[in-house]
N, C-alpha and C. Protein backbone atom coordinates (compact mmCIF):
# COMPACT_ATOMS: atom_id res chain seq x y z
N MET A 1 0.84 -1.18 0.00
CA MET A 1 0.00 0.00 0.00
C MET A 1 0.88 1.25 0.00
N LYS A 2 0.54 2.19 -0.84
CA LYS A 2 1.28 3.45 -0.93
C LYS A 2 0.77 4.40 0.14
N LEU A 3 1.72 4.99 0.88
CA LEU A 3 1.36 5.89 1.96
C LEU A 3 2.24 7.13 1.84
N ASP A 4 1.64 8.31 1.99
CA ASP A 4 2.44 9.53 1.99
C ASP A 4 2.42 10.13 3.39
N LYS A 5 3.17 11.21 3.58
CA LYS A 5 3.32 11.80 4.92
C LYS A 5 1.98 12.23 5.53
N PRO A 6 1.13 12.99 4.82
CA PRO A 6 -0.15 13.39 5.43
C PRO A 6 -1.02 12.20 5.82
N ALA A 7 -1.06 11.17 4.99
CA ALA A 7 -1.87 9.98 5.31
C ALA A 7 -1.27 9.22 6.49
N ALA A 8 0.05 9.16 6.57
CA ALA A 8 0.72 8.48 7.69
C ALA A 8 0.45 9.22 8.99
N ILE A 9 0.52 10.54 8.96
CA ILE A 9 0.23 11.35 10.15
C ILE A 9 -1.21 11.14 10.60
N ALA A 10 -2.14 11.18 9.66
CA ALA A 10 -3.56 10.97 9.99
C ALA A 10 -3.79 9.58 10.57
N ARG A 11 -3.15 8.59 9.98
CA ARG A 11 -3.32 7.21 10.46
C ARG A 11 -2.77 7.06 11.89
N ARG A 12 -1.60 7.63 12.14
CA ARG A 12 -1.01 7.51 13.48
C ARG A 12 -1.82 8.32 14.50
N ASN A 13 -2.24 9.53 14.13
CA ASN A 13 -3.05 10.35 15.04
C ASN A 13 -4.35 9.65 15.44
N SER A 14 -4.94 8.92 14.51
CA SER A 14 -6.20 8.23 14.81
C SER A 14 -5.99 7.13 15.84
N ALA A 15 -4.77 6.63 15.97
CA ALA A 15 -4.47 5.57 16.94
C ALA A 15 -4.07 6.13 18.30
N LEU A 16 -3.83 7.43 18.37
CA LEU A 16 -3.40 8.05 19.63
C LEU A 16 -4.59 8.59 20.41
N ALA A 17 -4.50 8.57 21.73
CA ALA A 17 -5.56 9.13 22.57
C ALA A 17 -5.67 10.64 22.33
N ARG A 18 -4.51 11.28 22.19
CA ARG A 18 -4.47 12.72 21.89
C ARG A 18 -3.66 12.91 20.61
N PRO A 19 -4.29 13.25 19.48
CA PRO A 19 -3.55 13.42 18.24
C PRO A 19 -2.61 14.62 18.32
N VAL A 20 -1.31 14.36 18.24
CA VAL A 20 -0.32 15.42 18.41
C VAL A 20 0.64 15.56 17.23
N LEU A 21 0.57 14.65 16.28
CA LEU A 21 1.49 14.71 15.16
C LEU A 21 1.02 15.73 14.13
N THR A 22 1.95 16.54 13.66
CA THR A 22 1.69 17.52 12.60
C THR A 22 2.82 17.41 11.58
N SER A 23 2.65 18.07 10.46
CA SER A 23 3.72 18.05 9.46
C SER A 23 4.95 18.79 9.97
N ALA A 24 4.79 19.69 10.94
CA ALA A 24 5.92 20.45 11.48
C ALA A 24 6.76 19.65 12.48
N ASN A 25 6.15 18.69 13.19
CA ASN A 25 6.90 17.96 14.21
C ASN A 25 7.12 16.49 13.84
N THR A 26 6.87 16.15 12.57
CA THR A 26 6.95 14.75 12.15
C THR A 26 7.72 14.62 10.85
N LEU A 27 8.58 13.61 10.78
CA LEU A 27 9.28 13.25 9.55
C LEU A 27 8.82 11.85 9.16
N PHE A 28 8.81 11.58 7.87
CA PHE A 28 8.25 10.33 7.34
C PHE A 28 9.24 9.70 6.37
N ALA A 29 9.39 8.37 6.47
CA ALA A 29 10.26 7.65 5.53
C ALA A 29 9.62 6.32 5.16
N ILE A 30 9.83 5.94 3.91
CA ILE A 30 9.37 4.65 3.41
C ILE A 30 10.60 3.74 3.33
N LEU A 31 10.44 2.50 3.74
CA LEU A 31 11.54 1.55 3.73
C LEU A 31 12.15 1.44 2.33
N ASP A 32 13.47 1.57 2.26
CA ASP A 32 14.21 1.35 1.02
C ASP A 32 14.51 -0.15 0.97
N PRO A 33 13.80 -0.90 0.11
CA PRO A 33 13.95 -2.36 0.13
C PRO A 33 15.33 -2.83 -0.32
N LYS A 34 16.04 -2.06 -1.12
CA LYS A 34 17.37 -2.46 -1.58
C LYS A 34 18.38 -2.43 -0.44
N ARG A 35 18.28 -1.41 0.38
CA ARG A 35 19.23 -1.25 1.49
C ARG A 35 18.64 -1.71 2.83
N ASN A 36 17.33 -1.95 2.87
CA ASN A 36 16.62 -2.37 4.07
C ASN A 36 16.78 -1.37 5.21
N LEU A 37 16.50 -0.10 4.88
CA LEU A 37 16.56 0.94 5.90
C LEU A 37 15.66 2.10 5.55
N TRP A 38 15.42 2.91 6.58
CA TRP A 38 14.62 4.13 6.44
C TRP A 38 15.57 5.32 6.53
N TRP A 39 15.48 6.24 5.57
CA TRP A 39 16.33 7.44 5.53
C TRP A 39 15.57 8.63 6.08
N PHE A 40 16.24 9.40 6.91
CA PHE A 40 15.69 10.65 7.42
C PHE A 40 16.73 11.75 7.31
N GLU A 41 16.29 12.94 6.98
CA GLU A 41 17.12 14.14 7.03
C GLU A 41 16.46 15.06 8.06
N VAL A 42 17.00 15.05 9.27
CA VAL A 42 16.45 15.83 10.37
C VAL A 42 17.08 17.23 10.34
N PRO A 43 16.30 18.28 10.12
CA PRO A 43 16.87 19.62 10.08
C PRO A 43 17.53 19.98 11.42
N VAL A 44 18.78 20.43 11.36
CA VAL A 44 19.49 20.83 12.57
C VAL A 44 18.76 21.99 13.25
N ALA A 45 17.99 22.76 12.49
CA ALA A 45 17.22 23.87 13.04
C ALA A 45 16.25 23.38 14.13
N LEU A 46 15.83 22.12 14.07
CA LEU A 46 14.93 21.57 15.09
C LEU A 46 15.60 21.48 16.46
N LEU A 47 16.93 21.50 16.48
CA LEU A 47 17.66 21.35 17.74
C LEU A 47 17.80 22.66 18.51
N ARG A 48 17.40 23.75 17.90
CA ARG A 48 17.52 25.05 18.55
C ARG A 48 16.49 25.21 19.65
N LYS A 49 16.80 26.07 20.59
CA LYS A 49 15.87 26.38 21.68
C LYS A 49 14.60 26.99 21.08
N GLY A 50 13.47 26.76 21.73
CA GLY A 50 12.21 27.31 21.25
C GLY A 50 11.48 26.39 20.29
N GLN A 51 12.11 25.27 19.93
CA GLN A 51 11.48 24.28 19.06
C GLN A 51 10.76 23.25 19.93
N PRO A 52 9.95 22.38 19.33
CA PRO A 52 9.28 21.33 20.12
C PRO A 52 10.31 20.46 20.86
N ASP A 53 9.88 19.78 21.91
CA ASP A 53 10.76 18.93 22.70
C ASP A 53 11.03 17.58 22.03
N TRP A 54 10.22 17.24 21.05
CA TRP A 54 10.29 15.93 20.39
C TRP A 54 10.23 16.09 18.89
N VAL A 55 10.80 15.11 18.19
CA VAL A 55 10.55 14.97 16.76
C VAL A 55 10.00 13.56 16.58
N ASN A 56 8.92 13.45 15.83
CA ASN A 56 8.28 12.17 15.57
C ASN A 56 8.79 11.62 14.25
N LEU A 57 9.23 10.37 14.26
CA LEU A 57 9.67 9.71 13.04
C LEU A 57 8.68 8.60 12.74
N LEU A 58 8.08 8.67 11.55
CA LEU A 58 7.16 7.62 11.10
C LEU A 58 7.86 6.78 10.05
N LEU A 59 7.92 5.47 10.28
CA LEU A 59 8.62 4.54 9.41
C LEU A 59 7.60 3.59 8.79
N HIS A 60 7.49 3.64 7.47
CA HIS A 60 6.49 2.81 6.79
C HIS A 60 7.18 1.66 6.04
N THR A 61 6.59 0.47 6.19
CA THR A 61 7.05 -0.70 5.45
C THR A 61 5.92 -1.10 4.49
N PRO A 62 6.06 -0.76 3.20
CA PRO A 62 4.97 -1.00 2.24
C PRO A 62 4.54 -2.46 2.12
N LEU A 63 5.48 -3.39 2.20
CA LEU A 63 5.15 -4.80 2.01
C LEU A 63 4.14 -5.30 3.05
N THR A 64 4.29 -4.87 4.30
CA THR A 64 3.39 -5.31 5.37
C THR A 64 2.40 -4.21 5.77
N ASP A 65 2.58 -3.02 5.22
CA ASP A 65 1.79 -1.82 5.56
C ASP A 65 1.94 -1.44 7.04
N GLU A 66 3.06 -1.85 7.65
CA GLU A 66 3.33 -1.50 9.04
C GLU A 66 3.81 -0.06 9.13
N LEU A 67 3.32 0.65 10.13
CA LEU A 67 3.73 2.03 10.38
C LEU A 67 4.25 2.10 11.81
N GLN A 68 5.54 2.35 11.94
CA GLN A 68 6.15 2.48 13.26
C GLN A 68 6.30 3.95 13.60
N HIS A 69 6.20 4.25 14.88
CA HIS A 69 6.29 5.63 15.37
C HIS A 69 7.41 5.71 16.40
N LEU A 70 8.39 6.56 16.13
CA LEU A 70 9.45 6.83 17.09
C LEU A 70 9.30 8.26 17.56
N LYS A 71 9.28 8.45 18.86
CA LYS A 71 9.19 9.78 19.46
C LYS A 71 10.56 10.08 20.07
N VAL A 72 11.35 10.87 19.34
CA VAL A 72 12.75 11.09 19.71
C VAL A 72 12.89 12.46 20.38
N PRO A 73 13.41 12.48 21.61
CA PRO A 73 13.60 13.76 22.29
C PRO A 73 14.67 14.59 21.58
N ILE A 74 14.38 15.87 21.41
CA ILE A 74 15.34 16.78 20.80
C ILE A 74 16.64 16.79 21.62
N ASN A 75 16.51 16.67 22.95
CA ASN A 75 17.70 16.64 23.81
C ASN A 75 18.63 15.48 23.45
N PHE A 76 18.06 14.33 23.07
CA PHE A 76 18.86 13.18 22.65
C PHE A 76 19.65 13.52 21.39
N LEU A 77 18.97 14.11 20.41
CA LEU A 77 19.65 14.47 19.16
C LEU A 77 20.73 15.52 19.42
N ARG A 78 20.41 16.48 20.26
CA ARG A 78 21.38 17.54 20.60
C ARG A 78 22.61 16.94 21.29
N ALA A 79 22.37 16.05 22.27
CA ALA A 79 23.46 15.45 23.04
C ALA A 79 24.35 14.53 22.20
N HIS A 80 23.77 13.92 21.17
CA HIS A 80 24.51 12.94 20.37
C HIS A 80 24.84 13.44 18.96
N GLN A 81 24.74 14.72 18.74
CA GLN A 81 24.94 15.27 17.40
C GLN A 81 26.30 14.89 16.82
N GLU A 82 27.36 14.86 17.66
CA GLU A 82 28.69 14.50 17.17
C GLU A 82 28.78 13.03 16.78
N GLN A 83 27.85 12.20 17.24
CA GLN A 83 27.88 10.78 16.94
C GLN A 83 27.03 10.41 15.73
N MET A 84 26.49 11.44 15.06
CA MET A 84 25.68 11.21 13.87
C MET A 84 26.27 12.00 12.71
N GLU A 85 25.89 11.63 11.50
CA GLU A 85 26.40 12.33 10.33
C GLU A 85 25.59 13.59 10.10
N VAL A 86 26.28 14.73 10.10
CA VAL A 86 25.63 16.02 9.85
C VAL A 86 26.04 16.47 8.45
N ARG A 87 25.05 16.72 7.62
CA ARG A 87 25.30 17.22 6.25
C ARG A 87 25.25 18.74 6.26
N ASN A 88 26.18 19.35 5.54
CA ASN A 88 26.28 20.81 5.42
C ASN A 88 26.33 21.50 6.79
N PRO A 89 27.25 21.07 7.68
CA PRO A 89 27.30 21.67 9.02
C PRO A 89 27.57 23.17 8.95
N GLY A 90 26.88 23.89 9.83
CA GLY A 90 27.05 25.34 9.88
C GLY A 90 26.26 26.10 8.83
N LYS A 91 25.69 25.41 7.88
CA LYS A 91 24.91 26.06 6.83
C LYS A 91 23.46 26.19 7.29
N ARG A 92 22.73 27.02 6.58
CA ARG A 92 21.33 27.28 6.93
C ARG A 92 20.46 26.03 6.86
N ARG A 93 20.72 25.17 5.91
CA ARG A 93 19.90 23.97 5.73
C ARG A 93 20.64 22.69 6.14
N SER A 94 21.46 22.75 7.16
CA SER A 94 22.18 21.55 7.58
C SER A 94 21.20 20.55 8.19
N THR A 95 21.51 19.26 7.98
CA THR A 95 20.63 18.20 8.46
C THR A 95 21.44 17.08 9.12
N ILE A 96 20.79 16.37 10.01
CA ILE A 96 21.34 15.14 10.56
C ILE A 96 20.80 14.03 9.68
N SER A 97 21.70 13.30 9.06
CA SER A 97 21.31 12.23 8.16
C SER A 97 21.25 10.92 8.93
N LEU A 98 20.06 10.34 8.99
CA LEU A 98 19.86 9.07 9.70
C LEU A 98 19.50 7.97 8.70
N ALA A 99 20.11 6.83 8.87
CA ALA A 99 19.76 5.65 8.09
C ALA A 99 19.44 4.56 9.10
N LEU A 100 18.16 4.42 9.44
CA LEU A 100 17.75 3.46 10.46
C LEU A 100 17.53 2.09 9.83
N SER A 101 18.25 1.11 10.34
CA SER A 101 18.25 -0.23 9.79
C SER A 101 16.94 -0.97 10.07
N ALA A 102 16.52 -1.78 9.10
CA ALA A 102 15.36 -2.66 9.27
C ALA A 102 15.82 -4.11 9.47
N ASP A 103 17.13 -4.34 9.50
CA ASP A 103 17.66 -5.68 9.73
C ASP A 103 17.40 -6.11 11.16
N ARG A 104 17.07 -7.37 11.34
CA ARG A 104 16.72 -7.88 12.66
C ARG A 104 17.84 -7.68 13.68
N ASP A 105 19.09 -7.93 13.29
CA ASP A 105 20.21 -7.84 14.24
C ASP A 105 20.65 -6.40 14.54
N SER A 106 20.19 -5.44 13.75
CA SER A 106 20.56 -4.04 14.01
C SER A 106 19.35 -3.12 13.87
N LEU A 107 18.18 -3.63 14.21
CA LEU A 107 16.91 -2.91 14.02
C LEU A 107 16.94 -1.53 14.68
N LEU A 108 16.62 -0.51 13.90
CA LEU A 108 16.50 0.89 14.31
C LEU A 108 17.83 1.48 14.82
N ARG A 109 18.93 0.95 14.33
CA ARG A 109 20.24 1.56 14.59
C ARG A 109 20.59 2.45 13.41
N ASP A 110 21.21 3.58 13.71
CA ASP A 110 21.67 4.48 12.66
C ASP A 110 22.92 3.88 12.02
N THR A 111 22.83 3.52 10.75
CA THR A 111 23.93 2.83 10.09
C THR A 111 24.74 3.73 9.16
N ARG A 112 24.57 5.05 9.27
CA ARG A 112 25.34 5.97 8.43
C ARG A 112 26.84 5.80 8.72
N PRO A 113 27.67 5.81 7.67
CA PRO A 113 29.11 5.62 7.88
C PRO A 113 29.74 6.66 8.81
N GLY A 114 29.23 7.87 8.84
CA GLY A 114 29.81 8.90 9.69
C GLY A 114 29.33 8.87 11.12
N GLY A 115 28.45 7.92 11.45
CA GLY A 115 27.85 7.87 12.78
C GLY A 115 28.41 6.77 13.67
N ASP A 116 27.89 6.69 14.88
CA ASP A 116 28.34 5.72 15.89
C ASP A 116 27.33 4.62 16.16
N GLN A 117 26.48 4.30 15.18
CA GLN A 117 25.52 3.21 15.33
C GLN A 117 24.56 3.43 16.51
N LEU A 118 24.09 4.67 16.68
CA LEU A 118 23.16 4.97 17.78
C LEU A 118 21.89 4.14 17.63
N ASP A 119 21.37 3.67 18.76
CA ASP A 119 20.19 2.83 18.78
C ASP A 119 18.95 3.69 19.07
N PHE A 120 17.94 3.60 18.21
CA PHE A 120 16.71 4.37 18.37
C PHE A 120 15.54 3.50 18.85
N ASN A 121 15.80 2.25 19.24
CA ASN A 121 14.76 1.33 19.70
C ASN A 121 13.99 1.83 20.91
N THR A 122 14.64 2.55 21.80
CA THR A 122 13.99 3.00 23.03
C THR A 122 12.89 4.03 22.77
N PHE A 123 12.84 4.56 21.55
CA PHE A 123 11.87 5.62 21.24
C PHE A 123 10.62 5.10 20.53
N VAL A 124 10.52 3.79 20.34
CA VAL A 124 9.36 3.20 19.67
C VAL A 124 8.12 3.38 20.54
N GLN A 125 7.06 3.89 19.92
CA GLN A 125 5.79 4.11 20.60
C GLN A 125 4.86 2.94 20.28
N GLY A 126 4.06 2.54 21.26
CA GLY A 126 3.15 1.41 21.08
C GLY A 126 1.98 1.69 20.20
């Protein structure tokens, strides 16, 4: 099943007691079947003070139509920024590039070559 970001947000919000996901606080990725991972480009601007405390990552697997929700604290990203790959550092549109693995032995670990294999499993929402 084909799913886009607005539909994924609506689907996840309908499962929550309090719908809190918006296009501003949520990033969406579809599983790359060739590499078996989900790619995210998290804007470094989200790490600045005055931004939301969390960023929501929605991970879609088209084959099973599974939608996973990770609620990642901005403080975690800020504290571990040096352990992740940052694209265009210091520039206006710099991003943290995440490649979260779908492999069973490294599920939800950031597998970017410039990173430290950070584990995002603890942020999975039920």
